[in-house]
Protein backbone atom coordinates (compact mmCIF):
# COMPACT_ATOMS: atom_id res chain seq x y z
CA MET A 1 -4.66 -18.21 -19.06
CA SER A 2 -6.11 -17.24 -22.33
CA ASP A 3 -5.09 -14.47 -24.47
CA ILE A 4 -8.47 -12.82 -23.99
CA ILE A 5 -8.12 -12.70 -20.22
CA ARG A 6 -4.69 -11.14 -20.54
CA GLU A 7 -5.85 -8.49 -22.84
CA ILE A 8 -8.82 -7.50 -20.37
CA GLU A 9 -6.25 -7.34 -17.51
CA ALA A 10 -3.86 -5.31 -19.51
CA GLU A 11 -6.52 -2.73 -20.03
CA GLN A 12 -7.27 -2.43 -16.44
CA MET A 13 -3.70 -1.83 -15.33
CA LYS A 14 -2.25 1.64 -14.66
CA ALA A 15 0.24 2.92 -17.07
CA ALA A 16 2.68 4.12 -14.39
CA VAL A 17 2.91 2.54 -10.92
CA ASP A 18 4.91 4.31 -8.08
CA GLU A 19 7.77 2.08 -7.03
CA PHE A 20 7.59 1.06 -3.24
CA SER A 21 8.43 -2.21 -1.33
CA VAL A 22 7.71 -3.80 1.88
CA GLY A 23 8.95 -1.86 5.08
CA ASP A 24 8.62 1.47 3.29
CA THR A 25 6.54 4.38 4.82
CA ILE A 26 4.13 5.55 2.22
CA LYS A 27 1.28 8.02 1.84
CA VAL A 28 -1.67 6.64 -0.04
CA TYR A 29 -3.96 9.21 -1.59
CA GLY A 30 -7.28 7.41 -1.87
CA LYS A 31 -10.68 8.82 -3.34
CA ILE A 32 -13.50 8.69 -0.87
CA LYS A 33 -17.08 9.24 -1.98
CA GLU A 34 -19.44 10.74 0.46
CA GLY A 35 -22.86 11.07 -1.10
CA ASN A 36 -22.52 12.99 -4.25
CA ARG A 37 -19.16 14.58 -3.28
CA GLU A 38 -15.73 13.08 -3.83
CA ARG A 39 -12.57 13.99 -1.87
CA ILE A 40 -9.08 12.64 -1.42
CA GLN A 41 -7.97 11.18 1.91
CA VAL A 42 -4.32 10.57 2.85
CA PHE A 43 -3.44 7.31 4.70
CA GLU A 44 0.22 7.22 5.75
CA GLY A 45 1.83 4.11 7.24
CA VAL A 46 4.32 1.16 6.89
CA VAL A 47 3.71 -1.34 4.03
CA LEU A 48 3.17 -4.77 5.56
CA LYS A 49 2.88 -6.69 2.43
CA ARG A 50 2.44 -6.81 -1.39
CA GLN A 51 0.67 -9.88 -2.75
CA GLY A 52 -0.74 -10.98 -6.06
CA GLY A 53 0.22 -10.20 -9.59
CA SER A 54 -0.82 -8.35 -12.71
CA ASN A 55 -4.00 -6.30 -12.05
CA ARG A 56 -4.96 -8.20 -8.92
CA GLU A 57 -1.96 -7.04 -6.98
CA THR A 58 -2.77 -5.56 -3.58
CA PHE A 59 -0.73 -3.99 -0.76
CA THR A 60 -1.51 -3.55 2.88
CA VAL A 61 -0.62 -0.49 4.88
CA ARG A 62 -0.58 -0.14 8.72
CA LYS A 63 -0.65 2.94 10.89
CA THR A 64 -1.28 3.68 14.54
CA SER A 65 -4.12 6.22 15.07
CA ASN A 66 -4.74 7.28 18.74
CA GLY A 67 -2.90 4.16 20.06
CA ILE A 68 -4.89 1.66 17.88
CA GLY A 69 -3.43 -0.04 14.94
CA VAL A 70 -5.32 0.51 11.66
CA GLU A 71 -4.64 -1.54 8.62
CA LYS A 72 -6.01 -0.96 5.15
CA THR A 73 -5.66 -2.99 1.96
CA TRP A 74 -5.86 -1.49 -1.44
CA PRO A 75 -5.74 -2.85 -5.02
CA LEU A 76 -2.53 -1.39 -6.63
CA HIS A 77 -4.26 -0.69 -10.02
CA SER A 78 -7.48 0.66 -8.52
CA PRO A 79 -8.94 3.98 -9.87
CA ASN A 80 -9.58 4.90 -6.21
CA VAL A 81 -5.86 5.04 -5.40
CA GLU A 82 -4.96 8.50 -6.78
CA LYS A 83 -1.28 8.25 -6.07
CA ILE A 84 1.32 6.64 -3.76
CA GLU A 85 4.21 8.68 -2.30
CA VAL A 86 7.20 7.18 -0.63
CA VAL A 87 7.99 9.05 2.66
CA ARG A 88 11.06 6.80 3.61
CA ARG A 89 12.59 3.53 2.64
CA GLY A 90 12.77 0.65 5.06
CA LYS A 91 15.32 -1.90 5.73
CA VAL A 92 13.58 -5.11 5.99
CA ARG A 93 14.62 -8.99 5.50
CA ARG A 94 11.25 -10.39 4.98
CA ALA A 95 8.40 -10.23 2.30
CA LYS A 96 5.66 -9.87 4.79
CA LEU A 97 5.80 -7.95 8.11
CA ASN A 98 3.10 -9.52 10.08
CA TYR A 99 5.10 -9.42 13.20
CA LEU A 100 4.71 -5.76 13.52
CA ARG A 101 1.15 -6.28 14.53
CA ASP A 102 2.31 -7.53 17.95
CA ARG A 103 4.94 -4.83 18.55
CA VAL A 104 4.21 -1.61 20.41
CA GLY A 105 6.20 1.70 20.62
CA LYS A 106 9.74 1.81 19.29
CA LYS A 107 9.84 -1.94 18.65
CA ALA A 108 7.08 -1.31 15.97
CA LYS A 109 9.39 0.81 13.91
CA VAL A 110 11.28 -0.17 10.81
CA LYS A 111 14.89 0.95 10.31
CA GLU A 112 15.57 3.47 7.53
CA LEU A 113 17.44 2.26 4.48
CA VAL A 114 20.37 4.58 3.87
CA ARG A 115 21.46 4.51 0.25
C-alpha cells in the first residue's frame, strides 16, 4: 500500500478504541438518524467476530430479541458508533463464534472469564 493511502486511513481512525474481544458481552451505543433528529440507541449482545484491519475493521454483535436472533455488524472506527462498553468478558477458544447461531437457550451462552 502506498503512503498516501496509509495517511488517509490514519486520519479516519479513532484516537481511542475500547478494548474488547470475541465472546465478550458488550453494549454498543450507536447513533440513529430519524428525519432531522439524531438519537443514541443501545445494542447489547455477544461479539461473534472481529475482522479486517486498520480503519476497515468491523465487529458483529448478536442478541436475542423476543426469541429471535438479531445480528448487527458495525465498522469499529465509524462516527456512528458513539462508544462501546464491556458488560462481561467471555471465555472462548475460537476467533469466530458462528456456532452460536444454531444454539438456543442456555447452550447459546458463553462462559464468563474470571480473572
